[in-house]
PDB file of N, CA and C in Angstrom:
ATOM      1  N   MET A   1     -22.324 -29.115  -7.184  1.00  0.00           N
ATOM      2  CA  MET A   1     -21.430 -28.601  -8.185  1.00  0.00           C
ATOM      3  C   MET A   1     -20.756 -27.330  -7.671  1.00  0.00           C
ATOM      4  N   ARG A   2     -19.462 -27.168  -8.022  1.00  0.00           N
ATOM      5  CA  ARG A   2     -18.765 -25.942  -7.653  1.00  0.00           C
ATOM      6  C   ARG A   2     -17.808 -25.568  -8.774  1.00  0.00           C
ATOM      7  N   LEU A   3     -17.504 -24.305  -8.867  1.00  0.00           N
ATOM      8  CA  LEU A   3     -16.496 -23.832  -9.810  1.00  0.00           C
ATOM      9  C   LEU A   3     -15.142 -23.986  -9.143  1.00  0.00           C
ATOM     10  N   THR A   4     -14.145 -24.387  -9.887  1.00  0.00           N
ATOM     11  CA  THR A   4     -12.870 -24.691  -9.250  1.00  0.00           C
ATOM     12  C   THR A   4     -11.698 -23.845  -9.731  1.00  0.00           C
ATOM     13  N   LYS A   5     -11.822 -23.171 -10.874  1.00  0.00           N
ATOM     14  CA  LYS A   5     -10.667 -22.436 -11.382  1.00  0.00           C
ATOM     15  C   LYS A   5     -11.105 -21.427 -12.428  1.00  0.00           C
ATOM     16  N   ILE A   6     -10.399 -20.321 -12.524  1.00  0.00           N
ATOM     17  CA  ILE A   6     -10.576 -19.390 -13.621  1.00  0.00           C
ATOM     18  C   ILE A   6      -9.262 -19.359 -14.400  1.00  0.00           C
ATOM     19  N   ILE A   7      -9.363 -19.395 -15.724  1.00  0.00           N
ATOM     20  CA  ILE A   7      -8.168 -19.423 -16.563  1.00  0.00           C
ATOM     21  C   ILE A   7      -8.242 -18.224 -17.504  1.00  0.00           C
ATOM     22  N   PRO A   8      -7.497 -17.161 -17.205  1.00  0.00           N
ATOM     23  CA  PRO A   8      -7.546 -15.987 -18.080  1.00  0.00           C
ATOM     24  C   PRO A   8      -6.823 -16.239 -19.397  1.00  0.00           C
ATOM     25  N   LYS A   9      -7.293 -15.554 -20.412  1.00  0.00           N
ATOM     26  CA  LYS A   9      -6.672 -15.570 -21.736  1.00  0.00           C
ATOM     27  C   LYS A   9      -6.211 -14.138 -21.990  1.00  0.00           C
ATOM     28  N   ILE A  10      -4.921 -13.976 -22.237  1.00  0.00           N
ATOM     29  CA  ILE A  10      -4.344 -12.647 -22.425  1.00  0.00           C
ATOM     30  C   ILE A  10      -3.751 -12.565 -23.824  1.00  0.00           C
ATOM     31  N   PHE A  11      -4.150 -11.528 -24.561  1.00  0.00           N
ATOM     32  CA  PHE A  11      -3.696 -11.342 -25.932  1.00  0.00           C
ATOM     33  C   PHE A  11      -2.512 -10.392 -25.992  1.00  0.00           C
ATOM     34  N   TYR A  12      -1.547 -10.736 -26.834  1.00  0.00           N
ATOM     35  CA  TYR A  12      -0.357  -9.915 -27.053  1.00  0.00           C
ATOM     36  C   TYR A  12      -0.135  -9.729 -28.547  1.00  0.00           C
ATOM     37  N   GLU A  13       0.324  -8.548 -28.913  1.00  0.00           N
ATOM     38  CA  GLU A  13       0.750  -8.339 -30.294  1.00  0.00           C
ATOM     39  C   GLU A  13       1.989  -9.191 -30.572  1.00  0.00           C
ATOM     40  N   HIS A  14       2.902  -9.218 -29.611  1.00  0.00           N
ATOM     41  CA  HIS A  14       4.119 -10.026 -29.699  1.00  0.00           C
ATOM     42  C   HIS A  14       4.161 -10.942 -28.478  1.00  0.00           C
ATOM     43  N   ILE A  15       4.047 -12.223 -28.670  1.00  0.00           N
ATOM     44  CA  ILE A  15       3.958 -13.196 -27.571  1.00  0.00           C
ATOM     45  C   ILE A  15       5.153 -13.108 -26.630  1.00  0.00           C
ATOM     46  N   LYS A  16       6.314 -12.693 -27.120  1.00  0.00           N
ATOM     47  CA  LYS A  16       7.510 -12.602 -26.276  1.00  0.00           C
ATOM     48  C   LYS A  16       7.299 -11.638 -25.105  1.00  0.00           C
ATOM     49  N   ASP A  17       6.437 -10.633 -25.269  1.00  0.00           N
ATOM     50  CA  ASP A  17       6.156  -9.708 -24.166  1.00  0.00           C
ATOM     51  C   ASP A  17       5.447 -10.426 -23.022  1.00  0.00           C
ATOM     52  N   GLY A  18       4.495 -11.277 -23.336  1.00  0.00           N
ATOM     53  CA  GLY A  18       3.803 -12.048 -22.308  1.00  0.00           C
ATOM     54  C   GLY A  18       4.700 -13.093 -21.671  1.00  0.00           C
ATOM     55  N   LEU A  19       5.539 -13.712 -22.478  1.00  0.00           N
ATOM     56  CA  LEU A  19       6.467 -14.707 -21.932  1.00  0.00           C
ATOM     57  C   LEU A  19       7.473 -14.055 -20.999  1.00  0.00           C
ATOM     58  N   HIS A  20       7.883 -12.832 -21.294  1.00  0.00           N
ATOM     59  CA  HIS A  20       8.820 -12.132 -20.408  1.00  0.00           C
ATOM     60  C   HIS A  20       8.186 -11.902 -19.032  1.00  0.00           C
ATOM     61  N   LEU A  21       6.945 -11.436 -19.016  1.00  0.00           N
ATOM     62  CA  LEU A  21       6.261 -11.167 -17.745  1.00  0.00           C
ATOM     63  C   LEU A  21       6.018 -12.456 -16.959  1.00  0.00           C
ATOM     64  N   PHE A  22       5.410 -13.440 -17.582  1.00  0.00           N
ATOM     65  CA  PHE A  22       4.964 -14.609 -16.843  1.00  0.00           C
ATOM     66  C   PHE A  22       6.023 -15.707 -16.707  1.00  0.00           C
ATOM     67  N   VAL A  23       6.738 -16.014 -17.764  1.00  0.00           N
ATOM     68  CA  VAL A  23       7.717 -17.100 -17.712  1.00  0.00           C
ATOM     69  C   VAL A  23       9.031 -16.608 -17.110  1.00  0.00           C
ATOM     70  N   ASP A  24       9.556 -15.508 -17.618  1.00  0.00           N
ATOM     71  CA  ASP A  24      10.805 -14.971 -17.064  1.00  0.00           C
ATOM     72  C   ASP A  24      10.581 -14.366 -15.681  1.00  0.00           C
ATOM     73  N   GLY A  25       9.577 -13.484 -15.565  1.00  0.00           N
ATOM     74  CA  GLY A  25       9.367 -12.746 -14.328  1.00  0.00           C
ATOM     75  C   GLY A  25       8.740 -13.536 -13.197  1.00  0.00           C
ATOM     76  N   LEU A  26       7.686 -14.277 -13.493  1.00  0.00           N
ATOM     77  CA  LEU A  26       6.962 -15.003 -12.448  1.00  0.00           C
ATOM     78  C   LEU A  26       7.244 -16.501 -12.453  1.00  0.00           C
ATOM     79  N   LYS A  27       8.109 -16.955 -13.317  1.00  0.00           N
ATOM     80  CA  LYS A  27       8.585 -18.350 -13.347  1.00  0.00           C
ATOM     81  C   LYS A  27       7.490 -19.371 -13.654  1.00  0.00           C
ATOM     82  N   PHE A  28       6.509 -18.971 -14.473  1.00  0.00           N
ATOM     83  CA  PHE A  28       5.546 -19.939 -14.981  1.00  0.00           C
ATOM     84  C   PHE A  28       6.279 -20.881 -15.936  1.00  0.00           C
ATOM     85  N   LYS A  29       5.756 -22.078 -16.099  1.00  0.00           N
ATOM     86  CA  LYS A  29       6.307 -23.078 -17.008  1.00  0.00           C
ATOM     87  C   LYS A  29       5.386 -23.213 -18.215  1.00  0.00           C
ATOM     88  N   VAL A  30       5.961 -23.326 -19.379  1.00  0.00           N
ATOM     89  CA  VAL A  30       5.188 -23.549 -20.598  1.00  0.00           C
ATOM     90  C   VAL A  30       4.827 -25.031 -20.663  1.00  0.00           C
ATOM     91  N   VAL A  31       3.524 -25.329 -20.698  1.00  0.00           N
ATOM     92  CA  VAL A  31       3.079 -26.718 -20.798  1.00  0.00           C
ATOM     93  C   VAL A  31       2.563 -27.049 -22.194  1.00  0.00           C
ATOM     94  N   TYR A  32       2.311 -26.013 -22.991  1.00  0.00           N
ATOM     95  CA  TYR A  32       1.897 -26.213 -24.375  1.00  0.00           C
ATOM     96  C   TYR A  32       2.201 -24.939 -25.140  1.00  0.00           C
ATOM     97  N   ASN A  33       2.639 -25.107 -26.393  1.00  0.00           N
ATOM     98  CA  ASN A  33       2.714 -23.951 -27.272  1.00  0.00           C
ATOM     99  C   ASN A  33       2.661 -24.387 -28.729  1.00  0.00           C
ATOM    100  N   ASP A  34       2.045 -23.525 -29.526  1.00  0.00           N
ATOM    101  CA  ASP A  34       2.083 -23.668 -30.970  1.00  0.00           C
ATOM    102  C   ASP A  34       2.442 -22.294 -31.520  1.00  0.00           C
ATOM    103  N   ALA A  35       2.115 -22.015 -32.728  1.00  0.00           N
ATOM    104  CA  ALA A  35       2.531 -20.750 -33.326  1.00  0.00           C
ATOM    105  C   ALA A  35       1.975 -19.520 -32.605  1.00  0.00           C
ATOM    106  N   LYS A  36       0.782 -19.610 -32.024  1.00  0.00           N
ATOM    107  CA  LYS A  36       0.151 -18.435 -31.426  1.00  0.00           C
ATOM    108  C   LYS A  36      -0.331 -18.609 -30.003  1.00  0.00           C
ATOM    109  N   LEU A  37      -0.433 -19.812 -29.503  1.00  0.00           N
ATOM    110  CA  LEU A  37      -1.002 -20.079 -28.182  1.00  0.00           C
ATOM    111  C   LEU A  37       0.044 -20.696 -27.266  1.00  0.00           C
ATOM    112  N   TYR A  38       0.161 -20.128 -26.075  1.00  0.00           N
ATOM    113  CA  TYR A  38       0.987 -20.700 -25.015  1.00  0.00           C
ATOM    114  C   TYR A  38       0.082 -20.950 -23.827  1.00  0.00           C
ATOM    115  N   ILE A  39       0.137 -22.142 -23.266  1.00  0.00           N
ATOM    116  CA  ILE A  39      -0.536 -22.430 -22.000  1.00  0.00           C
ATOM    117  C   ILE A  39       0.578 -22.562 -20.972  1.00  0.00           C
ATOM    118  N   ILE A  40       0.474 -21.769 -19.919  1.00  0.00           N
ATOM    119  CA  ILE A  40       1.527 -21.717 -18.907  1.00  0.00           C
ATOM    120  C   ILE A  40       0.927 -21.998 -17.536  1.00  0.00           C
ATOM    121  N   THR A  41       1.738 -22.595 -16.653  1.00  0.00           N
ATOM    122  CA  THR A  41       1.257 -22.920 -15.319  1.00  0.00           C
ATOM    123  C   THR A  41       2.340 -22.653 -14.285  1.00  0.00           C
ATOM    124  N   ARG A  42       1.889 -22.389 -13.096  1.00  0.00           N
ATOM    125  CA  ARG A  42       2.744 -22.366 -11.907  1.00  0.00           C
ATOM    126  C   ARG A  42       1.842 -22.734 -10.742  1.00  0.00           C
ATOM    127  N   ASP A  43       2.203 -23.774 -10.031  1.00  0.00           N
ATOM    128  CA  ASP A  43       1.389 -24.292  -8.930  1.00  0.00           C
ATOM    129  C   ASP A  43      -0.019 -24.586  -9.447  1.00  0.00           C
ATOM    130  N   ASP A  44      -1.056 -23.970  -8.880  1.00  0.00           N
ATOM    131  CA  ASP A  44      -2.433 -24.232  -9.307  1.00  0.00           C
ATOM    132  C   ASP A  44      -2.981 -23.175 -10.257  1.00  0.00           C
ATOM    133  N   VAL A  45      -2.128 -22.316 -10.789  1.00  0.00           N
ATOM    134  CA  VAL A  45      -2.553 -21.235 -11.669  1.00  0.00           C
ATOM    135  C   VAL A  45      -2.225 -21.585 -13.119  1.00  0.00           C
ATOM    136  N   THR A  46      -3.210 -21.432 -13.991  1.00  0.00           N
ATOM    137  CA  THR A  46      -3.038 -21.648 -15.427  1.00  0.00           C
ATOM    138  C   THR A  46      -3.466 -20.381 -16.155  1.00  0.00           C
ATOM    139  N   ILE A  47      -2.688 -19.998 -17.173  1.00  0.00           N
ATOM    140  CA  ILE A  47      -2.991 -18.820 -17.991  1.00  0.00           C
ATOM    141  C   ILE A  47      -2.759 -19.197 -19.443  1.00  0.00           C
ATOM    142  N   GLN A  48      -3.603 -18.667 -20.320  1.00  0.00           N
ATOM    143  CA  GLN A  48      -3.398 -18.817 -21.755  1.00  0.00           C
ATOM    144  C   GLN A  48      -2.906 -17.494 -22.322  1.00  0.00           C
ATOM    145  N   LEU A  49      -1.806 -17.527 -23.057  1.00  0.00           N
ATOM    146  CA  LEU A  49      -1.276 -16.356 -23.748  1.00  0.00           C
ATOM    147  C   LEU A  49      -1.455 -16.580 -25.241  1.00  0.00           C
ATOM    148  N   LEU A  50      -2.012 -15.592 -25.916  1.00  0.00           N
ATOM    149  CA  LEU A  50      -2.242 -15.727 -27.351  1.00  0.00           C
ATOM    150  C   LEU A  50      -1.645 -14.545 -28.098  1.00  0.00           C
ATOM    151  N   GLU A  51      -1.029 -14.828 -29.227  1.00  0.00           N
ATOM    152  CA  GLU A  51      -0.517 -13.759 -30.072  1.00  0.00           C
ATOM    153  C   GLU A  51      -1.587 -13.411 -31.095  1.00  0.00           C
ATOM    154  N   ASP A  52      -2.145 -12.214 -30.950  1.00  0.00           N
ATOM    155  CA  ASP A  52      -3.180 -11.722 -31.851  1.00  0.00           C
ATOM    156  C   ASP A  52      -3.199 -10.211 -31.742  1.00  0.00           C
ATOM    157  N   ALA A  53      -2.609  -9.538 -32.718  1.00  0.00           N
ATOM    158  CA  ALA A  53      -2.457  -8.079 -32.661  1.00  0.00           C
ATOM    159  C   ALA A  53      -3.798  -7.358 -32.591  1.00  0.00           C
ATOM    160  N   GLU A  54      -4.806  -7.863 -33.292  1.00  0.00           N
ATOM    161  CA  GLU A  54      -6.111  -7.204 -33.299  1.00  0.00           C
ATOM    162  C   GLU A  54      -6.728  -7.168 -31.901  1.00  0.00           C
ATOM    163  N   TYR A  55      -6.757  -8.306 -31.221  1.00  0.00           N
ATOM    164  CA  TYR A  55      -7.316  -8.353 -29.872  1.00  0.00           C
ATOM    165  C   TYR A  55      -6.425  -7.637 -28.865  1.00  0.00           C
ATOM    166  N   ALA A  56      -5.136  -7.721 -29.034  1.00  0.00           N
ATOM    167  CA  ALA A  56      -4.206  -7.064 -28.110  1.00  0.00           C
ATOM    168  C   ALA A  56      -4.382  -5.554 -28.128  1.00  0.00           C
ATOM    169  N   ALA A  57      -4.763  -5.002 -29.249  1.00  0.00           N
ATOM    170  CA  ALA A  57      -4.928  -3.549 -29.368  1.00  0.00           C
ATOM    171  C   ALA A  57      -6.194  -3.042 -28.678  1.00  0.00           C
ATOM    172  N   LYS A  58      -7.131  -3.924 -28.382  1.00  0.00           N
ATOM    173  CA  LYS A  58      -8.421  -3.499 -27.846  1.00  0.00           C
ATOM    174  C   LYS A  58      -8.394  -3.158 -26.367  1.00  0.00           C
ATOM    175  N   ASP A  59      -7.721  -3.959 -25.554  1.00  0.00           N
ATOM    176  CA  ASP A  59      -7.792  -3.750 -24.110  1.00  0.00           C
ATOM    177  C   ASP A  59      -6.665  -4.520 -23.442  1.00  0.00           C
ATOM    178  N   ARG A  60      -6.094  -3.945 -22.407  1.00  0.00           N
ATOM    179  CA  ARG A  60      -5.040  -4.611 -21.650  1.00  0.00           C
ATOM    180  C   ARG A  60      -5.608  -4.992 -20.293  1.00  0.00           C
ATOM    181  N   PRO A  61      -5.510  -6.253 -19.921  1.00  0.00           N
ATOM    182  CA  PRO A  61      -6.153  -6.725 -18.685  1.00  0.00           C
ATOM    183  C   PRO A  61      -5.358  -6.418 -17.422  1.00  0.00           C
ATOM    184  N   GLU A  62      -6.072  -6.477 -16.321  1.00  0.00           N
ATOM    185  CA  GLU A  62      -5.474  -6.498 -14.988  1.00  0.00           C
ATOM    186  C   GLU A  62      -5.957  -7.783 -14.340  1.00  0.00           C
ATOM    187  N   ILE A  63      -5.005  -8.591 -13.871  1.00  0.00           N
ATOM    188  CA  ILE A  63      -5.385  -9.828 -13.208  1.00  0.00           C
ATOM    189  C   ILE A  63      -4.739  -9.875 -11.830  1.00  0.00           C
ATOM    190  N   ARG A  64      -5.318 -10.676 -10.961  1.00  0.00           N
ATOM    191  CA  ARG A  64      -4.786 -10.869  -9.614  1.00  0.00           C
ATOM    192  C   ARG A  64      -4.410 -12.332  -9.440  1.00  0.00           C
ATOM    193  N   ILE A  65      -3.281 -12.542  -8.780  1.00  0.00           N
ATOM    194  CA  ILE A  65      -2.851 -13.891  -8.431  1.00  0.00           C
ATOM    195  C   ILE A  65      -2.599 -13.897  -6.930  1.00  0.00           C
ATOM    196  N   GLU A  66      -3.204 -14.853  -6.240  1.00  0.00           N
ATOM    197  CA  GLU A  66      -3.025 -14.948  -4.794  1.00  0.00           C
ATOM    198  C   GLU A  66      -1.905 -15.927  -4.475  1.00  0.00           C
ATOM    199  N   THR A  67      -1.118 -15.589  -3.483  1.00  0.00           N
ATOM    200  CA  THR A  67      -0.017 -16.430  -3.035  1.00  0.00           C
ATOM    201  C   THR A  67      -0.098 -16.609  -1.524  1.00  0.00           C
ATOM    202  N   ASP A  68       0.602 -17.604  -1.020  1.00  0.00           N
ATOM    203  CA  ASP A  68       0.666 -17.797   0.426  1.00  0.00           C
ATOM    204  C   ASP A  68       1.987 -17.293   1.009  1.00  0.00           C
ATOM    205  N   ASP A  69       2.870 -16.732   0.165  1.00  0.00           N
ATOM    206  CA  ASP A  69       4.144 -16.168   0.645  1.00  0.00           C
ATOM    207  C   ASP A  69       4.550 -15.018  -0.256  1.00  0.00           C
ATOM    208  N   ILE A  70       3.892 -13.886  -0.083  1.00  0.00           N
ATOM    209  CA  ILE A  70       4.105 -12.730  -0.948  1.00  0.00           C
ATOM    210  C   ILE A  70       5.528 -12.189  -0.849  1.00  0.00           C
ATOM    211  N   GLU A  71       6.117 -12.246   0.334  1.00  0.00           N
ATOM    212  CA  GLU A  71       7.478 -11.727   0.510  1.00  0.00           C
ATOM    213  C   GLU A  71       8.479 -12.531  -0.318  1.00  0.00           C
ATOM    214  N   ALA A  72       8.356 -13.835  -0.335  1.00  0.00           N
ATOM    215  CA  ALA A  72       9.271 -14.679  -1.113  1.00  0.00           C
ATOM    216  C   ALA A  72       9.106 -14.426  -2.607  1.00  0.00           C
ATOM    217  N   LEU A  73       7.869 -14.323  -3.081  1.00  0.00           N
ATOM    218  CA  LEU A  73       7.630 -14.072  -4.496  1.00  0.00           C
ATOM    219  C   LEU A  73       8.137 -12.689  -4.892  1.00  0.00           C
ATOM    220  N   TYR A  74       7.924 -11.709  -4.020  1.00  0.00           N
ATOM    221  CA  TYR A  74       8.425 -10.356  -4.288  1.00  0.00           C
ATOM    222  C   TYR A  74       9.954 -10.373  -4.429  1.00  0.00           C
ATOM    223  N   ARG A  75      10.639 -11.032  -3.514  1.00  0.00           N
ATOM    224  CA  ARG A  75      12.111 -11.109  -3.592  1.00  0.00           C
ATOM    225  C   ARG A  75      12.556 -11.787  -4.886  1.00  0.00           C
ATOM    226  N   GLU A  76      11.859 -12.844  -5.261  1.00  0.00           N
ATOM    227  CA  GLU A  76      12.180 -13.583  -6.485  1.00  0.00           C
ATOM    228  C   GLU A  76      12.084 -12.672  -7.716  1.00  0.00           C
ATOM    229  N   VAL A  77      10.979 -11.940  -7.820  1.00  0.00           N
ATOM    230  CA  VAL A  77      10.778 -11.048  -8.966  1.00  0.00           C
ATOM    231  C   VAL A  77      11.753  -9.873  -8.920  1.00  0.00           C
ATOM    232  N   LYS A  78      11.901  -9.266  -7.755  1.00  0.00           N
ATOM    233  CA  LYS A  78      12.778  -8.098  -7.642  1.00  0.00           C
ATOM    234  C   LYS A  78      14.218  -8.441  -7.998  1.00  0.00           C
ATOM    235  N   GLN A  79      14.667  -9.606  -7.602  1.00  0.00           N
ATOM    236  CA  GLN A  79      16.040 -10.013  -7.897  1.00  0.00           C
ATOM    237  C   GLN A  79      16.230 -10.318  -9.385  1.00  0.00           C
ATOM    238  N   ALA A  80      15.308 -11.034  -9.974  1.00  0.00           N
ATOM    239  CA  ALA A  80      15.478 -11.483 -11.358  1.00  0.00           C
ATOM    240  C   ALA A  80      15.022 -10.458 -12.400  1.00  0.00           C
ATOM    241  N   HIS A  81      13.936  -9.737 -12.124  1.00  0.00           N
ATOM    242  CA  HIS A  81      13.351  -8.829 -13.120  1.00  0.00           C
ATOM    243  C   HIS A  81      12.733  -7.594 -12.463  1.00  0.00           C
ATOM    244  N   PRO A  82      13.539  -6.737 -11.860  1.00  0.00           N
ATOM    245  CA  PRO A  82      12.982  -5.529 -11.235  1.00  0.00           C
ATOM    246  C   PRO A  82      12.287  -4.617 -12.244  1.00  0.00           C
ATOM    247  N   ASP A  83      12.620  -4.753 -13.528  1.00  0.00           N
ATOM    248  CA  ASP A  83      11.977  -3.956 -14.576  1.00  0.00           C
ATOM    249  C   ASP A  83      10.484  -4.236 -14.682  1.00  0.00           C
ATOM    250  N   LEU A  84      10.028  -5.358 -14.167  1.00  0.00           N
ATOM    251  CA  LEU A  84       8.610  -5.707 -14.249  1.00  0.00           C
ATOM    252  C   LEU A  84       7.783  -5.143 -13.096  1.00  0.00           C
ATOM    253  N   LEU A  85       8.417  -4.620 -12.056  1.00  0.00           N
ATOM    254  CA  LEU A  85       7.652  -4.071 -10.925  1.00  0.00           C
ATOM    255  C   LEU A  85       6.902  -2.809 -11.368  1.00  0.00           C
ATOM    256  N   HIS A  86       5.635  -2.756 -11.004  1.00  0.00           N
ATOM    257  CA  HIS A  86       4.768  -1.634 -11.376  1.00  0.00           C
ATOM    258  C   HIS A  86       5.236  -0.374 -10.650  1.00  0.00           C
ATOM    259  N   PRO A  87       5.360   0.751 -11.347  1.00  0.00           N
ATOM    260  CA  PRO A  87       5.843   1.969 -10.675  1.00  0.00           C
ATOM    261  C   PRO A  87       4.928   2.459  -9.548  1.00  0.00           C
ATOM    262  N   ASN A  88       3.659   2.123  -9.577  1.00  0.00           N
ATOM    263  CA  ASN A  88       2.732   2.578  -8.540  1.00  0.00           C
ATOM    264  C   ASN A  88       2.594   1.620  -7.362  1.00  0.00           C
ATOM    265  N   LEU A  89       3.140   0.410  -7.475  1.00  0.00           N
ATOM    266  CA  LEU A  89       3.025  -0.572  -6.388  1.00  0.00           C
ATOM    267  C   LEU A  89       4.223  -1.525  -6.476  1.00  0.00           C
ATOM    268  N   ASN A  90       5.414  -0.957  -6.349  1.00  0.00           N
ATOM    269  CA  ASN A  90       6.646  -1.716  -6.562  1.00  0.00           C
ATOM    270  C   ASN A  90       7.270  -2.261  -5.284  1.00  0.00           C
ATOM    271  N   VAL A  91       6.517  -2.208  -4.188  1.00  0.00           N
ATOM    272  CA  VAL A  91       6.913  -2.832  -2.922  1.00  0.00           C
ATOM    273  C   VAL A  91       5.686  -3.538  -2.357  1.00  0.00           C
ATOM    274  N   VAL A  92       5.905  -4.463  -1.440  1.00  0.00           N
ATOM    275  CA  VAL A  92       4.773  -5.122  -0.780  1.00  0.00           C
ATOM    276  C   VAL A  92       4.130  -4.108   0.152  1.00  0.00           C
ATOM    277  N   LYS A  93       2.851  -3.907  -0.020  1.00  0.00           N
ATOM    278  CA  LYS A  93       2.124  -2.884   0.741  1.00  0.00           C
ATOM    279  C   LYS A  93       0.904  -3.512   1.415  1.00  0.00           C
ATOM    280  N   HIS A  94       0.687  -3.164   2.681  1.00  0.00           N
ATOM    281  CA  HIS A  94      -0.539  -3.564   3.383  1.00  0.00           C
ATOM    282  C   HIS A  94      -1.632  -2.590   2.966  1.00  0.00           C
ATOM    283  N   GLN A  95      -2.651  -3.100   2.313  1.00  0.00           N
ATOM    284  CA  GLN A  95      -3.728  -2.253   1.809  1.00  0.00           C
ATOM    285  C   GLN A  95      -4.828  -2.086   2.862  1.00  0.00           C
ATOM    286  N   PRO A  96      -5.583  -0.983   2.798  1.00  0.00           N
ATOM    287  CA  PRO A  96      -6.664  -0.762   3.765  1.00  0.00           C
ATOM    288  C   PRO A  96      -7.740  -1.844   3.727  1.00  0.00           C
ATOM    289  N   TRP A  97      -7.875  -2.550   2.618  1.00  0.00           N
ATOM    290  CA  TRP A  97      -8.894  -3.601   2.507  1.00  0.00           C
ATOM    291  C   TRP A  97      -8.402  -4.946   3.023  1.00  0.00           C
ATOM    292  N   GLY A  98      -7.232  -4.951   3.673  1.00  0.00           N
ATOM    293  CA  GLY A  98      -6.777  -6.129   4.393  1.00  0.00           C
ATOM    294  C   GLY A  98      -5.822  -7.049   3.654  1.00  0.00           C
ATOM    295  N   LEU A  99      -5.456  -6.728   2.440  1.00  0.00           N
ATOM    296  CA  LEU A  99      -4.535  -7.569   1.677  1.00  0.00           C
ATOM    297  C   LEU A  99      -3.137  -6.977   1.659  1.00  0.00           C
ATOM    298  N   LYS A 100      -2.140  -7.833   1.505  1.00  0.00           N
ATOM    299  CA  LYS A 100      -0.796  -7.390   1.164  1.00  0.00           C
ATOM    300  C   LYS A 100      -0.681  -7.556  -0.345  1.00  0.00           C
ATOM    301  N   GLU A 101      -0.113  -6.540  -1.030  1.00  0.00           N
ATOM    302  CA  GLU A 101      -0.057  -6.564  -2.480  1.00  0.00           C
ATOM    303  C   GLU A 101       1.238  -5.954  -3.004  1.00  0.00           C
ATOM    304  N   PHE A 102       1.651  -6.412  -4.173  1.00  0.00           N
ATOM    305  CA  PHE A 102       2.575  -5.686  -5.033  1.00  0.00           C
ATOM    306  C   PHE A 102       2.135  -5.975  -6.458  1.00  0.00           C
ATOM    307  N   ALA A 103       2.640  -5.192  -7.423  1.00  0.00           N
ATOM    308  CA  ALA A 103       2.139  -5.335  -8.786  1.00  0.00           C
ATOM    309  C   ALA A 103       3.281  -5.364  -9.794  1.00  0.00           C
ATOM    310  N   LEU A 104       2.966  -5.980 -10.921  1.00  0.00           N
ATOM    311  CA  LEU A 104       3.878  -6.034 -12.059  1.00  0.00           C
ATOM    312  C   LEU A 104       3.185  -5.404 -13.261  1.00  0.00           C
ATOM    313  N   LEU A 105       3.992  -4.847 -14.152  1.00  0.00           N
ATOM    314  CA  LEU A 105       3.459  -4.216 -15.351  1.00  0.00           C
ATOM    315  C   LEU A 105       4.415  -4.512 -16.492  1.00  0.00           C
ATOM    316  N   ASP A 106       3.882  -5.098 -17.573  1.00  0.00           N
ATOM    317  CA  ASP A 106       4.772  -5.330 -18.715  1.00  0.00           C
ATOM    318  C   ASP A 106       4.704  -4.148 -19.672  1.00  0.00           C
ATOM    319  N   LYS A 107       5.510  -4.178 -20.718  1.00  0.00           N
ATOM    320  CA  LYS A 107       5.593  -3.013 -21.603  1.00  0.00           C
ATOM    321  C   LYS A 107       4.329  -2.802 -22.424  1.00  0.00           C
ATOM    322  N   THR A 108       3.413  -3.778 -22.436  1.00  0.00           N
ATOM    323  CA  THR A 108       2.136  -3.605 -23.130  1.00  0.00           C
ATOM    324  C   THR A 108       1.038  -3.133 -22.180  1.00  0.00           C
ATOM    325  N   THR A 109       1.364  -2.908 -20.922  1.00  0.00           N
ATOM    326  CA  THR A 109       0.504  -2.464 -19.814  1.00  0.00           C
ATOM    327  C   THR A 109      -0.441  -3.536 -19.284  1.00  0.00           C
ATOM    328  N   VAL A 110      -0.097  -4.800 -19.440  1.00  0.00           N
ATOM    329  CA  VAL A 110      -0.802  -5.846 -18.701  1.00  0.00           C
ATOM    330  C   VAL A 110      -0.333  -5.723 -17.256  1.00  0.00           C
ATOM    331  N   CYS A 111      -1.284  -5.614 -16.343  1.00  0.00           N
ATOM    332  CA  CYS A 111      -0.983  -5.454 -14.919  1.00  0.00           C
ATOM    333  C   CYS A 111      -1.340  -6.737 -14.184  1.00  0.00           C
ATOM    334  N   VAL A 112      -0.391  -7.232 -13.394  1.00  0.00           N
ATOM    335  CA  VAL A 112      -0.610  -8.404 -12.558  1.00  0.00           C
ATOM    336  C   VAL A 112      -0.409  -7.981 -11.117  1.00  0.00           C
ATOM    337  N   ILE A 113      -1.452  -8.083 -10.326  1.00  0.00           N
ATOM    338  CA  ILE A 113      -1.361  -7.766  -8.905  1.00  0.00           C
ATOM    339  C   ILE A 113      -1.212  -9.075  -8.153  1.00  0.00           C
ATOM    340  N   ILE A 114      -0.154  -9.150  -7.363  1.00  0.00           N
ATOM    341  CA  ILE A 114       0.065 -10.311  -6.506  1.00  0.00           C
ATOM    342  C   ILE A 114      -0.487  -9.957  -5.138  1.00  0.00           C
ATOM    343  N   GLN A 115      -1.285 -10.838  -4.570  1.00  0.00           N
ATOM    344  CA  GLN A 115      -1.902 -10.538  -3.283  1.00  0.00           C
ATOM    345  C   GLN A 115      -1.787 -11.701  -2.317  1.00  0.00           C
ATOM    346  N   GLN A 116      -1.847 -11.341  -1.030  1.00  0.00           N
ATOM    347  CA  GLN A 116      -1.890 -12.337   0.040  1.00  0.00           C
ATOM    348  C   GLN A 116      -2.849 -11.826   1.091  1.00  0.00           C
ATOM    349  N   GLN A 117      -3.706 -12.727   1.593  1.00  0.00           N
ATOM    350  CA  GLN A 117      -4.653 -12.335   2.645  1.00  0.00           C
ATOM    351  C   GLN A 117      -3.976 -12.319   3.979  1.00  0.00           C
TER     352      GLN A 117
END
C-alpha cells in the first residue's frame, strides 16, 4: 500500500478570491461546483475550495505545488496576473535547500509556493 495524493481544502470568506488565485492565476479547471464547494484540477493536482467565513477567519494556509518547468509557469502567471506574485518571493529564486521557488499570495493571504527540484 502507498499514499498517492494529498488534496488540500482551502476555506474562503468569498469563493471568488480563491478562484482568482487558482483558476485565473494558475489556470486550474473547475471540475465540480455547487453553492459553496469548488473542486479544481490542473495536471495531477486537485484542490478543494470552500466558501465558509467562519473557517476562513481562523487560519490562512500555505501550500506548495511542485512543477517540472518553473520558468514557464512563472512567465504564465507574471504575464496574466502579476498582482498575485508574493512581494517576498516574486521572482524564481534558487534556494539554499536546493529548490527553485516563487510564490503567490492572494488578498486573503493564502500563500502558494511553486517549487522545482
